[in-house]
């Protein structure tokens, strides 16, 4: 069900030092670092992400990505969410900066969180 999730951090460097150590003792390590976000996991699959956050206050949005079986399911997720009034953050598309077959769509839920549906078997045609 859950493909990956992420939290925002007020000090990415401090959080990275913390998670490098505490997740390291559990056998997890950095799997991807894109500058403003770091993904931790194992076997090349980042499942937990930390990201920089420049907003104010203690309440920061959370990111959760749900696993989808197909690109059609990703599209259905996006269409359904938008139909329910959700803000579309990113329409369904390939995200080659993550990996060549990463097909995802992002919306904002009623509480302001960034939720995504992702299929790891996307094609250039979608």
N, C-alpha and C. Protein backbone atom coordinates (compact mmCIF):
# COMPACT_ATOMS: atom_id res chain seq x y z
N UNK A 1 0.80 -1.19 0.00
CA UNK A 1 0.00 0.00 0.00
C UNK A 1 0.85 1.27 0.00
N UNK A 2 1.75 1.40 0.97
CA UNK A 2 2.61 2.58 1.03
C UNK A 2 3.87 2.30 0.22
N UNK A 3 4.15 3.16 -0.75
CA UNK A 3 5.37 3.05 -1.53
C UNK A 3 6.50 3.78 -0.82
N UNK A 4 6.25 5.00 -0.38
CA UNK A 4 7.22 5.77 0.39
C UNK A 4 6.51 6.94 1.06
N UNK A 5 7.16 7.56 2.03
CA UNK A 5 6.61 8.75 2.65
C UNK A 5 7.75 9.66 3.06
N UNK A 6 7.42 10.92 3.32
CA UNK A 6 8.45 11.87 3.66
C UNK A 6 7.97 12.94 4.61
N UNK A 7 8.93 13.52 5.30
CA UNK A 7 8.65 14.62 6.22
C UNK A 7 9.50 15.81 5.83
N UNK A 8 9.06 16.99 6.22
CA UNK A 8 9.82 18.22 6.00
C UNK A 8 10.59 18.57 7.26
N UNK A 9 11.78 19.09 7.06
CA UNK A 9 12.67 19.41 8.17
C UNK A 9 13.08 20.88 8.11
N UNK A 10 13.16 21.51 9.26
CA UNK A 10 13.56 22.92 9.29
C UNK A 10 15.06 23.08 9.05
N UNK A 11 15.85 22.05 9.36
CA UNK A 11 17.30 22.08 9.14
C UNK A 11 17.69 20.75 8.52
N UNK A 12 17.76 20.72 7.19
CA UNK A 12 18.01 19.46 6.48
C UNK A 12 19.35 18.84 6.87
N UNK A 13 20.40 19.65 7.03
CA UNK A 13 21.71 19.11 7.40
C UNK A 13 21.67 18.41 8.76
N UNK A 14 21.05 19.06 9.73
CA UNK A 14 20.95 18.46 11.07
C UNK A 14 20.12 17.19 11.03
N UNK A 15 19.01 17.24 10.30
CA UNK A 15 18.16 16.05 10.19
C UNK A 15 18.89 14.93 9.47
N UNK A 16 19.66 15.25 8.44
CA UNK A 16 20.42 14.23 7.71
C UNK A 16 21.44 13.56 8.62
N UNK A 17 22.15 14.35 9.42
CA UNK A 17 23.11 13.76 10.36
C UNK A 17 22.38 12.81 11.32
N UNK A 18 21.24 13.26 11.82
CA UNK A 18 20.45 12.44 12.75
C UNK A 18 20.00 11.14 12.09
N UNK A 19 19.34 11.24 10.93
CA UNK A 19 18.81 10.03 10.29
C UNK A 19 19.89 9.14 9.72
N UNK A 20 21.03 9.71 9.28
CA UNK A 20 22.15 8.87 8.85
C UNK A 20 22.54 7.92 9.97
N UNK A 21 22.60 8.44 11.18
CA UNK A 21 23.03 7.63 12.33
C UNK A 21 21.94 6.69 12.83
N UNK A 22 20.76 7.23 13.11
CA UNK A 22 19.74 6.37 13.74
C UNK A 22 19.22 5.31 12.78
N UNK A 23 19.10 5.64 11.50
CA UNK A 23 18.66 4.62 10.54
C UNK A 23 19.79 3.67 10.19
N UNK A 24 21.02 4.17 10.27
CA UNK A 24 22.18 3.31 10.02
C UNK A 24 22.26 2.12 10.96
N UNK A 25 21.94 2.36 12.24
CA UNK A 25 22.00 1.24 13.19
C UNK A 25 20.89 0.23 12.94
N UNK A 26 19.89 0.62 12.17
CA UNK A 26 18.81 -0.31 11.81
C UNK A 26 19.06 -1.00 10.47
N UNK A 27 20.19 -0.66 9.83
CA UNK A 27 20.53 -1.29 8.57
C UNK A 27 20.09 -0.53 7.33
N UNK A 28 19.63 0.72 7.49
CA UNK A 28 19.20 1.53 6.36
C UNK A 28 20.24 2.59 6.06
N UNK A 29 20.24 3.06 4.81
CA UNK A 29 21.21 4.08 4.41
C UNK A 29 20.60 5.00 3.36
N UNK A 30 21.34 6.05 3.04
CA UNK A 30 20.91 6.97 1.98
C UNK A 30 20.88 6.21 0.65
N UNK A 31 19.75 6.28 -0.01
CA UNK A 31 19.60 5.63 -1.31
C UNK A 31 19.59 6.67 -2.42
N UNK A 32 19.20 7.90 -2.09
CA UNK A 32 19.14 8.97 -3.09
C UNK A 32 19.26 10.30 -2.36
N UNK A 33 20.02 11.22 -2.97
CA UNK A 33 20.17 12.57 -2.43
C UNK A 33 20.03 13.53 -3.60
N UNK A 34 18.96 14.33 -3.59
CA UNK A 34 18.70 15.26 -4.69
C UNK A 34 18.89 16.72 -4.26
N UNK A 35 19.68 16.92 -3.21
CA UNK A 35 19.98 18.27 -2.77
C UNK A 35 19.00 18.81 -1.74
N UNK A 36 17.75 18.90 -2.12
CA UNK A 36 16.72 19.42 -1.20
C UNK A 36 15.95 18.28 -0.53
N UNK A 37 16.29 17.04 -0.88
CA UNK A 37 15.62 15.88 -0.30
C UNK A 37 16.57 14.68 -0.30
N UNK A 38 16.47 13.87 0.74
CA UNK A 38 17.30 12.68 0.90
C UNK A 38 16.39 11.49 1.17
N UNK A 39 16.58 10.41 0.41
CA UNK A 39 15.77 9.21 0.58
C UNK A 39 16.56 8.10 1.22
N UNK A 40 15.99 7.47 2.24
CA UNK A 40 16.62 6.37 2.97
C UNK A 40 15.86 5.07 2.71
N UNK A 41 16.60 3.99 2.76
CA UNK A 41 16.01 2.68 2.58
C UNK A 41 17.09 1.64 2.44
N UNK A 42 16.81 0.63 1.62
CA UNK A 42 17.78 -0.42 1.35
C UNK A 42 17.53 -0.96 -0.05
N UNK A 43 18.51 -1.63 -0.58
CA UNK A 43 18.40 -2.28 -1.90
C UNK A 43 18.01 -1.31 -3.01
N UNK A 44 18.47 -0.07 -2.93
CA UNK A 44 18.22 0.91 -3.99
C UNK A 44 16.84 1.53 -3.99
N UNK A 45 16.01 1.23 -2.98
CA UNK A 45 14.65 1.77 -2.95
C UNK A 45 14.47 2.69 -1.74
N UNK A 46 14.46 4.02 -1.96
CA UNK A 46 14.22 4.93 -0.84
C UNK A 46 12.75 4.90 -0.43
N UNK A 47 12.50 4.60 0.83
CA UNK A 47 11.13 4.51 1.34
C UNK A 47 10.78 5.63 2.30
N UNK A 48 11.78 6.25 2.92
CA UNK A 48 11.57 7.34 3.86
C UNK A 48 12.40 8.53 3.39
N UNK A 49 11.75 9.67 3.24
CA UNK A 49 12.40 10.88 2.72
C UNK A 49 12.37 12.00 3.75
N UNK A 50 13.45 12.76 3.77
CA UNK A 50 13.46 14.03 4.50
C UNK A 50 13.71 15.13 3.48
N UNK A 51 13.03 16.25 3.67
CA UNK A 51 13.15 17.37 2.72
C UNK A 51 13.32 18.67 3.47
N UNK A 52 13.92 19.65 2.79
CA UNK A 52 14.04 20.98 3.39
C UNK A 52 12.68 21.65 3.41
N UNK A 53 12.48 22.54 4.36
CA UNK A 53 11.21 23.24 4.52
C UNK A 53 11.51 24.66 4.96
N UNK A 54 11.00 25.62 4.22
CA UNK A 54 11.28 27.01 4.55
C UNK A 54 10.08 27.73 5.16
N UNK A 55 8.99 27.02 5.41
CA UNK A 55 7.79 27.63 5.97
C UNK A 55 7.93 27.91 7.46
N UNK A 56 6.94 28.55 8.01
CA UNK A 56 6.94 28.89 9.43
C UNK A 56 6.01 27.97 10.20
N UNK A 57 6.28 27.81 11.47
CA UNK A 57 5.38 27.09 12.34
C UNK A 57 5.67 25.61 12.45
N UNK A 58 5.07 24.97 13.45
CA UNK A 58 5.34 23.55 13.68
C UNK A 58 4.61 22.61 12.72
N UNK A 59 3.51 23.05 12.12
CA UNK A 59 2.75 22.17 11.23
C UNK A 59 3.30 22.25 9.82
N UNK A 60 3.86 21.16 9.37
CA UNK A 60 4.41 21.09 8.02
C UNK A 60 3.71 19.95 7.29
N UNK A 61 3.51 20.13 5.99
CA UNK A 61 2.86 19.06 5.25
C UNK A 61 3.69 17.79 5.27
N UNK A 62 3.03 16.68 5.17
CA UNK A 62 3.65 15.37 5.07
C UNK A 62 3.43 14.88 3.65
N UNK A 63 4.33 14.04 3.17
CA UNK A 63 4.18 13.43 1.84
C UNK A 63 4.03 11.93 2.01
N UNK A 64 3.04 11.37 1.34
CA UNK A 64 2.83 9.93 1.34
C UNK A 64 2.52 9.49 -0.08
N UNK A 65 3.24 8.47 -0.55
CA UNK A 65 2.99 7.93 -1.89
C UNK A 65 2.40 6.54 -1.76
N UNK A 66 1.26 6.36 -2.43
CA UNK A 66 0.60 5.06 -2.44
C UNK A 66 1.00 4.29 -3.70
N UNK A 67 1.24 3.01 -3.56
CA UNK A 67 1.63 2.17 -4.69
C UNK A 67 0.42 1.92 -5.58
N UNK A 68 0.61 2.09 -6.88
CA UNK A 68 -0.43 1.82 -7.87
C UNK A 68 0.05 0.69 -8.78
N UNK A 69 -0.88 -0.14 -9.23
CA UNK A 69 -0.53 -1.28 -10.08
C UNK A 69 -0.28 -0.92 -11.53
N UNK A 70 -0.74 0.26 -11.95
CA UNK A 70 -0.62 0.62 -13.37
C UNK A 70 -0.67 2.14 -13.54
N UNK A 71 -0.27 2.60 -14.72
CA UNK A 71 -0.38 4.03 -15.02
C UNK A 71 -1.85 4.44 -15.08
N UNK A 72 -2.72 3.53 -15.49
CA UNK A 72 -4.15 3.82 -15.52
C UNK A 72 -4.68 4.07 -14.11
N UNK A 73 -4.18 3.31 -13.14
CA UNK A 73 -4.59 3.51 -11.75
C UNK A 73 -4.09 4.86 -11.23
N UNK A 74 -2.89 5.26 -11.63
CA UNK A 74 -2.37 6.58 -11.24
C UNK A 74 -3.29 7.67 -11.79
N UNK A 75 -3.66 7.53 -13.05
CA UNK A 75 -4.56 8.53 -13.66
C UNK A 75 -5.92 8.54 -12.95
N UNK A 76 -6.45 7.37 -12.63
CA UNK A 76 -7.74 7.29 -11.94
C UNK A 76 -7.66 7.94 -10.56
N UNK A 77 -6.56 7.72 -9.85
CA UNK A 77 -6.33 8.35 -8.55
C UNK A 77 -6.39 9.87 -8.69
N UNK A 78 -5.65 10.40 -9.65
CA UNK A 78 -5.60 11.84 -9.87
C UNK A 78 -6.97 12.38 -10.25
N UNK A 79 -7.62 11.75 -11.21
CA UNK A 79 -8.95 12.21 -11.66
C UNK A 79 -9.95 12.19 -10.52
N UNK A 80 -9.93 11.13 -9.72
CA UNK A 80 -10.86 11.02 -8.59
C UNK A 80 -10.60 12.10 -7.55
N UNK A 81 -9.33 12.30 -7.20
CA UNK A 81 -8.98 13.31 -6.20
C UNK A 81 -9.40 14.71 -6.66
N UNK A 82 -9.09 15.05 -7.91
CA UNK A 82 -9.46 16.37 -8.44
C UNK A 82 -10.98 16.50 -8.49
N UNK A 83 -11.67 15.42 -8.86
CA UNK A 83 -13.13 15.42 -8.88
C UNK A 83 -13.74 15.67 -7.51
N UNK A 84 -12.99 15.29 -6.47
CA UNK A 84 -13.46 15.52 -5.10
C UNK A 84 -13.04 16.90 -4.57
N UNK A 85 -12.39 17.69 -5.45
CA UNK A 85 -12.01 19.05 -5.06
C UNK A 85 -10.57 19.21 -4.63
N UNK A 86 -9.76 18.16 -4.72
CA UNK A 86 -8.36 18.26 -4.32
C UNK A 86 -7.59 19.15 -5.31
N UNK A 87 -6.62 19.86 -4.79
CA UNK A 87 -5.72 20.64 -5.64
C UNK A 87 -4.75 19.68 -6.32
N UNK A 88 -4.61 19.82 -7.63
CA UNK A 88 -3.62 19.02 -8.36
C UNK A 88 -2.26 19.69 -8.22
N UNK A 89 -1.32 18.97 -7.64
CA UNK A 89 0.04 19.50 -7.53
C UNK A 89 0.85 19.16 -8.77
N UNK A 90 0.67 17.93 -9.28
CA UNK A 90 1.35 17.49 -10.50
C UNK A 90 0.46 16.45 -11.17
N UNK A 91 0.06 16.72 -12.40
CA UNK A 91 -0.74 15.77 -13.16
C UNK A 91 0.08 14.51 -13.43
N UNK A 92 -0.57 13.40 -13.75
CA UNK A 92 0.15 12.15 -14.01
C UNK A 92 1.17 12.31 -15.14
N UNK A 93 2.38 11.83 -14.86
CA UNK A 93 3.44 11.86 -15.87
C UNK A 93 4.61 11.01 -15.41
N UNK A 94 5.53 10.78 -16.33
CA UNK A 94 6.81 10.14 -15.98
C UNK A 94 7.67 11.14 -15.23
N UNK A 95 8.42 10.64 -14.27
CA UNK A 95 9.37 11.44 -13.49
C UNK A 95 10.75 10.78 -13.65
N UNK A 96 11.42 10.99 -14.80
CA UNK A 96 12.69 10.31 -15.04
C UNK A 96 13.80 10.73 -14.08
N UNK A 97 13.64 11.87 -13.40
CA UNK A 97 14.65 12.27 -12.43
C UNK A 97 14.67 11.32 -11.23
N UNK A 98 13.59 10.57 -11.02
CA UNK A 98 13.55 9.56 -9.95
C UNK A 98 14.07 8.23 -10.49
N UNK A 99 13.50 7.76 -11.58
CA UNK A 99 14.03 6.65 -12.37
C UNK A 99 13.20 6.59 -13.66
N UNK A 100 13.71 5.97 -14.71
CA UNK A 100 13.06 6.05 -16.03
C UNK A 100 11.61 5.58 -16.10
N UNK A 101 11.19 4.68 -15.23
CA UNK A 101 9.82 4.15 -15.31
C UNK A 101 8.92 4.65 -14.18
N UNK A 102 9.33 5.72 -13.50
CA UNK A 102 8.55 6.27 -12.37
C UNK A 102 7.42 7.12 -12.92
N UNK A 103 6.19 6.68 -12.72
CA UNK A 103 5.00 7.38 -13.22
C UNK A 103 4.14 7.75 -12.01
N UNK A 104 3.98 9.05 -11.77
CA UNK A 104 3.26 9.47 -10.58
C UNK A 104 2.39 10.68 -10.80
N UNK A 105 1.47 10.88 -9.86
CA UNK A 105 0.60 12.05 -9.82
C UNK A 105 0.48 12.49 -8.37
N UNK A 106 0.44 13.81 -8.14
CA UNK A 106 0.45 14.38 -6.80
C UNK A 106 -0.75 15.31 -6.61
N UNK A 107 -1.40 15.20 -5.46
CA UNK A 107 -2.52 16.08 -5.12
C UNK A 107 -2.36 16.50 -3.65
N UNK A 108 -3.11 17.52 -3.26
CA UNK A 108 -3.14 17.96 -1.87
C UNK A 108 -4.43 17.45 -1.23
N UNK A 109 -4.31 16.74 -0.12
CA UNK A 109 -5.50 16.20 0.55
C UNK A 109 -6.22 17.31 1.32
N UNK A 110 -7.39 17.03 1.91
CA UNK A 110 -8.15 18.06 2.59
C UNK A 110 -7.41 18.74 3.75
N UNK A 111 -6.39 18.08 4.31
CA UNK A 111 -5.62 18.68 5.40
C UNK A 111 -4.33 19.34 4.94
N UNK A 112 -4.13 19.42 3.63
CA UNK A 112 -2.95 20.10 3.10
C UNK A 112 -1.75 19.22 2.87
N UNK A 113 -1.87 17.91 3.06
CA UNK A 113 -0.75 17.01 2.83
C UNK A 113 -0.59 16.69 1.34
N UNK A 114 0.62 16.41 0.94
CA UNK A 114 0.97 16.07 -0.43
C UNK A 114 0.87 14.55 -0.57
N UNK A 115 -0.15 14.07 -1.28
CA UNK A 115 -0.31 12.63 -1.47
C UNK A 115 -0.14 12.29 -2.95
N UNK A 116 0.41 11.13 -3.19
CA UNK A 116 0.80 10.71 -4.53
C UNK A 116 0.37 9.28 -4.78
N UNK A 117 0.11 8.97 -6.03
CA UNK A 117 0.00 7.59 -6.49
C UNK A 117 1.16 7.37 -7.44
N UNK A 118 1.85 6.23 -7.32
CA UNK A 118 3.02 5.97 -8.15
C UNK A 118 3.02 4.53 -8.64
N UNK A 119 3.38 4.40 -9.91
CA UNK A 119 3.60 3.10 -10.54
C UNK A 119 5.05 3.10 -11.02
N UNK A 120 5.79 2.05 -10.73
CA UNK A 120 7.21 1.98 -11.11
C UNK A 120 7.42 1.28 -12.45
N UNK A 121 6.34 1.13 -13.23
CA UNK A 121 6.43 0.47 -14.53
C UNK A 121 5.87 1.37 -15.63
N UNK A 122 6.07 2.68 -15.52
CA UNK A 122 5.59 3.61 -16.52
C UNK A 122 6.35 3.49 -17.82
N UNK A 123 5.77 4.02 -18.88
CA UNK A 123 6.41 4.04 -20.19
C UNK A 123 6.37 5.47 -20.73
N UNK A 124 7.18 5.80 -21.73
CA UNK A 124 7.13 7.14 -22.29
C UNK A 124 5.74 7.56 -22.75
N UNK A 125 4.92 6.60 -23.16
CA UNK A 125 3.56 6.91 -23.59
C UNK A 125 2.64 7.12 -22.40
N UNK A 126 3.11 6.69 -21.19
CA UNK A 126 2.29 6.79 -19.98
C UNK A 126 1.38 5.63 -19.94
